């Protein structure tokens, strides 16, 4: 991680869970980390908690579904720090309703956060890297095992569709970067059941039935560090990480 010291990372959905854990790891690696999320109070609490770390955490309130807010974050980063060297697309959500019970409003919100917001951040991050001739930058999507299989839990079927889309976007961007002969790398980390409020609400019955120990947020953050620690010529594409007791 030495080559990332002093460089700038953007983490979306950074106020809690996996996003907060990733911020902690990156700040401890001496990076300047821009933590973006809707919950400003939680962001400030995280900033206070990490105040003694070797790196720096900068908080920015941002609704990933608002294009202007996203573009403004990148504009501020350019003005204050030069640009983004690492972009962690962690923001994501699910409305937890079956396909038969869901509404177009729910579906559009999931698409706007999980797919469109992720794509806009990726586009802007790559643009920031290329305009500064940063040829070793890194994009990481925090995807999900739900982007690799469809399970019987109907509450996550549309969410799963959005995460399958992230897989397609991952490969599409890899091919576009190769066409440009760029060494900017793109990767994904796809966790199974993680001990966050959202996941435990979704899968509470399955966890109780299997008496299963879930992953924690730092387990996922460790995989982010693994991707960033790889030599510049190594392209890590997608890390699937699940609890040892998880079947699917």
Protein backbone atom coordinates (compact mmCIF):
# COMPACT_ATOMS: atom_id res chain seq x y z
CA UNK A 1 0.00 0.00 0.00
CA UNK A 2 3.03 2.30 0.15
CA UNK A 3 2.44 3.75 -3.33
CA UNK A 4 -0.99 5.02 -2.27
CA UNK A 5 0.30 7.09 0.67
CA UNK A 6 -0.80 10.71 0.33
CA UNK A 7 -3.05 9.98 -2.64
CA UNK A 8 -6.79 10.65 -2.87
CA UNK A 9 -9.59 8.10 -2.55
CA UNK A 10 -13.34 8.67 -2.84
CA UNK A 11 -15.63 6.28 -0.94
CA UNK A 12 -19.39 6.50 -1.51
CA UNK A 13 -21.91 5.26 1.03
CA UNK A 14 -19.19 5.94 3.58
CA UNK A 15 -21.18 6.77 6.71
CA UNK A 16 -21.53 3.23 8.10
CA UNK A 17 -20.98 -0.48 7.48
CA UNK A 18 -18.62 -1.49 4.69
CA UNK A 19 -18.06 2.10 3.55
CA UNK A 20 -16.93 3.23 7.00
CA UNK A 21 -14.68 0.17 7.36
CA UNK A 22 -13.06 0.90 3.98
CA UNK A 23 -12.48 4.54 4.99
CA UNK A 24 -10.78 3.39 8.19
CA UNK A 25 -8.43 1.05 6.30
CA UNK A 26 -7.53 3.68 3.71
CA UNK A 27 -6.92 6.45 6.26
CA UNK A 28 -4.70 4.05 8.21
CA UNK A 29 -2.76 3.53 4.95
CA UNK A 30 -1.98 7.28 4.95
CA UNK A 31 -4.41 8.20 2.17
CA UNK A 32 -6.55 11.32 1.83
CA UNK A 33 -10.04 9.84 1.90
CA UNK A 34 -13.15 11.72 0.79
CA UNK A 35 -16.08 10.06 2.55
CA UNK A 36 -19.36 10.80 0.76
CA UNK A 37 -22.84 9.88 1.99
CA UNK A 38 -26.26 11.35 2.74
CA UNK A 39 -25.98 11.09 6.54
CA UNK A 40 -23.79 14.04 7.51
CA UNK A 41 -24.04 13.33 11.24
CA UNK A 42 -22.60 9.83 10.84
CA UNK A 43 -19.88 11.11 8.52
CA UNK A 44 -18.76 13.65 11.13
CA UNK A 45 -18.77 10.95 13.82
CA UNK A 46 -16.55 8.79 11.60
CA UNK A 47 -14.23 11.74 10.97
CA UNK A 48 -13.88 12.30 14.71
CA UNK A 49 -13.20 8.61 15.32
CA UNK A 50 -10.39 8.56 12.72
CA UNK A 51 -8.87 11.93 13.67
CA UNK A 52 -5.66 10.38 15.04
CA UNK A 53 -4.97 8.22 11.96
CA UNK A 54 -1.92 8.82 9.78
CA UNK A 55 -4.04 9.81 6.79
CA UNK A 56 -6.92 12.27 6.51
CA UNK A 57 -10.69 11.86 6.26
CA UNK A 58 -12.64 14.59 4.50
CA UNK A 59 -16.45 14.40 4.63
CA UNK A 60 -18.83 15.49 1.89
CA UNK A 61 -22.61 15.22 2.05
CA UNK A 62 -23.81 13.67 -1.21
CA UNK A 63 -26.96 11.99 -2.47
CA UNK A 64 -25.69 9.55 -5.10
CA UNK A 65 -29.04 9.78 -6.93
CA UNK A 66 -28.55 13.52 -7.54
CA UNK A 67 -26.30 13.99 -10.58
CA UNK A 68 -25.48 17.59 -9.66
CA UNK A 69 -24.39 16.61 -6.14
CA UNK A 70 -22.14 13.86 -7.51
CA UNK A 71 -20.56 16.21 -10.06
CA UNK A 72 -20.10 18.82 -7.34
CA UNK A 73 -18.17 16.33 -5.18
CA UNK A 74 -15.77 15.66 -8.04
CA UNK A 75 -15.46 19.40 -8.71
CA UNK A 76 -14.54 20.09 -5.07
CA UNK A 77 -12.04 17.21 -5.03
CA UNK A 78 -10.41 18.60 -8.19
CA UNK A 79 -10.19 22.09 -6.71
CA UNK A 80 -8.96 21.05 -3.27
CA UNK A 81 -6.84 17.95 -3.96
CA UNK A 82 -6.21 17.80 -7.71
CA UNK A 83 -8.42 14.78 -8.42
CA UNK A 84 -9.26 11.19 -7.57
CA UNK A 85 -6.73 8.35 -7.68
CA UNK A 86 -9.00 5.65 -6.19
CA UNK A 87 -12.80 5.40 -6.35
CA UNK A 88 -14.67 2.91 -4.15
CA UNK A 89 -18.28 2.62 -5.33
CA UNK A 90 -19.86 1.32 -2.14
CA UNK A 91 -23.25 3.10 -2.07
CA UNK A 92 -26.11 0.67 -2.59
CA UNK A 93 -29.56 -0.19 -1.30
CA UNK A 94 -32.54 -2.54 -1.54
CA UNK A 95 -36.24 -1.98 -0.87
CA UNK A 96 -36.69 -5.64 0.06
CA UNK A 97 -39.92 -6.33 -1.80
CA UNK A 98 -40.72 -9.16 -4.17
CA UNK A 99 -41.12 -8.53 -7.89
CA UNK A 100 -44.87 -8.98 -7.48
CA UNK A 101 -45.06 -6.46 -4.64
CA UNK A 102 -42.51 -3.89 -5.78
CA UNK A 103 -43.30 -0.50 -7.27
CA UNK A 104 -41.71 1.42 -10.16
CA UNK A 105 -40.61 4.07 -7.65
CA UNK A 106 -38.72 1.43 -5.61
CA UNK A 107 -37.13 -0.05 -8.73
CA UNK A 108 -36.03 3.32 -10.07
CA UNK A 109 -34.44 4.29 -6.74
CA UNK A 110 -32.48 1.04 -6.62
CA UNK A 111 -31.34 1.51 -10.21
CA UNK A 112 -30.39 5.14 -9.57
CA UNK A 113 -28.19 4.24 -6.60
CA UNK A 114 -26.88 0.78 -7.48
CA UNK A 115 -26.36 1.28 -11.22
CA UNK A 116 -26.64 4.89 -12.45
CA UNK A 117 -24.87 6.53 -9.50
CA UNK A 118 -22.12 3.93 -9.63
CA UNK A 119 -21.68 4.51 -13.38
CA UNK A 120 -21.52 8.29 -12.99
CA UNK A 121 -18.90 8.06 -10.23
CA UNK A 122 -16.88 5.64 -12.35
CA UNK A 123 -17.04 7.90 -15.40
CA UNK A 124 -15.98 10.96 -13.43
CA UNK A 125 -13.21 9.12 -11.58
CA UNK A 126 -11.70 7.77 -14.81
CA UNK A 127 -11.97 11.24 -16.37
CA UNK A 128 -10.18 12.74 -13.37
CA UNK A 129 -7.38 10.18 -13.64
CA UNK A 130 -6.92 10.54 -17.40
CA UNK A 131 -6.84 14.34 -17.44
CA UNK A 132 -3.94 14.20 -14.93
CA UNK A 133 -2.18 11.29 -16.69
CA UNK A 134 -2.73 9.05 -13.67
CA UNK A 135 -2.18 5.66 -15.29
CA UNK A 136 -2.25 3.50 -12.16
CA UNK A 137 -5.60 4.53 -10.68
CA UNK A 138 -8.10 2.04 -9.29
CA UNK A 139 -11.89 1.74 -9.38
CA UNK A 140 -13.53 -0.80 -7.05
CA UNK A 141 -17.23 -1.66 -7.07
CA UNK A 142 -18.60 -3.13 -3.85
CA UNK A 143 -20.96 -5.56 -5.52
CA UNK A 144 -22.62 -8.63 -3.95
CA UNK A 145 -22.95 -12.38 -4.22
CA UNK A 146 -26.47 -11.41 -5.36
CA UNK A 147 -24.84 -10.32 -8.60
CA UNK A 148 -23.69 -13.89 -9.20
CA UNK A 149 -26.76 -15.99 -8.42
CA UNK A 150 -30.50 -15.67 -7.78
CA UNK A 151 -31.79 -17.16 -4.53
CA UNK A 152 -35.30 -18.04 -3.42
CA UNK A 153 -35.62 -15.02 -1.11
CA UNK A 154 -38.02 -12.94 -3.22
CA UNK A 155 -37.23 -9.74 -1.29
CA UNK A 156 -33.89 -9.43 -3.11
CA UNK A 157 -34.82 -10.38 -6.69
CA UNK A 158 -34.83 -6.83 -8.11
CA UNK A 159 -31.78 -5.95 -6.00
CA UNK A 160 -30.07 -8.97 -7.53
CA UNK A 161 -30.91 -7.66 -11.01
CA UNK A 162 -29.15 -4.39 -10.22
CA UNK A 163 -26.09 -6.28 -8.98
CA UNK A 164 -26.01 -8.43 -12.13
CA UNK A 165 -25.90 -5.09 -13.97
CA UNK A 166 -22.85 -4.10 -11.91
CA UNK A 167 -21.08 -7.24 -13.15
CA UNK A 168 -21.77 -6.19 -16.74
CA UNK A 169 -20.56 -2.65 -16.03
CA UNK A 170 -17.38 -4.04 -14.47
CA UNK A 171 -16.46 -6.01 -17.58
CA UNK A 172 -17.62 -3.25 -19.93
CA UNK A 173 -15.38 -0.67 -18.26
CA UNK A 174 -12.44 -3.09 -18.21
CA UNK A 175 -12.77 -3.51 -21.98
CA UNK A 176 -13.11 0.24 -22.56
CA UNK A 177 -9.98 0.94 -20.52
CA UNK A 178 -8.10 -1.74 -22.46
CA UNK A 179 -9.20 -0.15 -25.74
CA UNK A 180 -7.67 3.11 -24.48
CA UNK A 181 -4.46 1.24 -23.60
CA UNK A 182 -4.94 2.57 -20.08
CA UNK A 183 -3.48 0.89 -17.01
CA UNK A 184 -6.27 2.22 -14.80
CA UNK A 185 -7.64 -0.90 -13.16
CA UNK A 186 -11.22 -1.79 -12.30
CA UNK A 187 -12.30 -4.49 -9.87
CA UNK A 188 -15.21 -5.65 -7.75
CA UNK A 189 -15.59 -7.18 -4.32
CA UNK A 190 -18.74 -9.31 -4.04
CA UNK A 191 -19.52 -10.27 -0.45
CA UNK A 192 -22.10 -12.70 0.79
CA UNK A 193 -23.84 -12.12 4.11
CA UNK A 194 -22.21 -9.22 5.97
CA UNK A 195 -23.16 -8.23 9.49
CA UNK A 196 -24.79 -4.91 8.72
CA UNK A 197 -28.25 -3.69 9.72
CA UNK A 198 -29.53 -4.02 6.14
CA UNK A 199 -28.25 -7.55 5.59
CA UNK A 200 -29.39 -8.89 8.93
CA UNK A 201 -32.91 -7.54 8.33
CA UNK A 202 -33.01 -9.23 4.94
CA UNK A 203 -31.60 -12.61 5.94
CA UNK A 204 -32.54 -12.88 9.62
CA UNK A 205 -34.45 -16.15 9.17
CA UNK A 206 -31.65 -17.79 7.17
CA UNK A 207 -29.01 -16.77 9.73
CA UNK A 208 -31.04 -18.15 12.65
CA UNK A 209 -31.78 -21.38 10.78
CA UNK A 210 -28.12 -22.05 9.94
CA UNK A 211 -26.63 -20.63 13.16
CA UNK A 212 -24.17 -18.94 10.80
CA UNK A 213 -21.40 -16.49 11.61
CA UNK A 214 -21.60 -13.61 9.13
CA UNK A 215 -18.77 -11.64 7.62
CA UNK A 216 -18.08 -8.29 9.22
CA UNK A 217 -17.51 -5.02 7.38
CA UNK A 218 -13.75 -5.14 7.93
CA UNK A 219 -13.56 -8.56 6.22
CA UNK A 220 -14.80 -6.83 3.06
CA UNK A 221 -12.50 -3.83 3.60
CA UNK A 222 -9.57 -6.26 3.79
CA UNK A 223 -10.41 -7.44 0.26
CA UNK A 224 -10.37 -3.82 -0.92
CA UNK A 225 -6.85 -3.50 0.51
CA UNK A 226 -5.89 -6.74 -1.27
CA UNK A 227 -6.99 -5.25 -4.62
CA UNK A 228 -5.12 -1.99 -4.00
CA UNK A 229 -2.00 -3.84 -2.85
CA UNK A 230 -1.64 -5.83 -6.08
CA UNK A 231 1.20 -4.72 -8.41
CA UNK A 232 0.11 -2.29 -11.15
CA UNK A 233 0.34 -5.01 -13.82
CA UNK A 234 -2.07 -7.30 -11.92
CA UNK A 235 -5.77 -6.99 -12.74
CA UNK A 236 -7.93 -8.44 -9.96
CA UNK A 237 -11.36 -8.71 -11.52
CA UNK A 238 -13.92 -9.86 -8.92
CA UNK A 239 -13.44 -11.23 -5.43
CA UNK A 240 -16.26 -13.44 -4.16
CA UNK A 241 -16.21 -13.58 -0.38
CA UNK A 242 -18.77 -15.37 1.78
CA UNK A 243 -19.01 -16.86 5.28
CA UNK A 244 -17.71 -20.43 5.38
CA UNK A 245 -21.17 -21.65 6.45
CA UNK A 246 -23.04 -19.87 3.64
CA UNK A 247 -24.34 -22.26 0.99
CA UNK A 248 -25.14 -19.90 -1.90
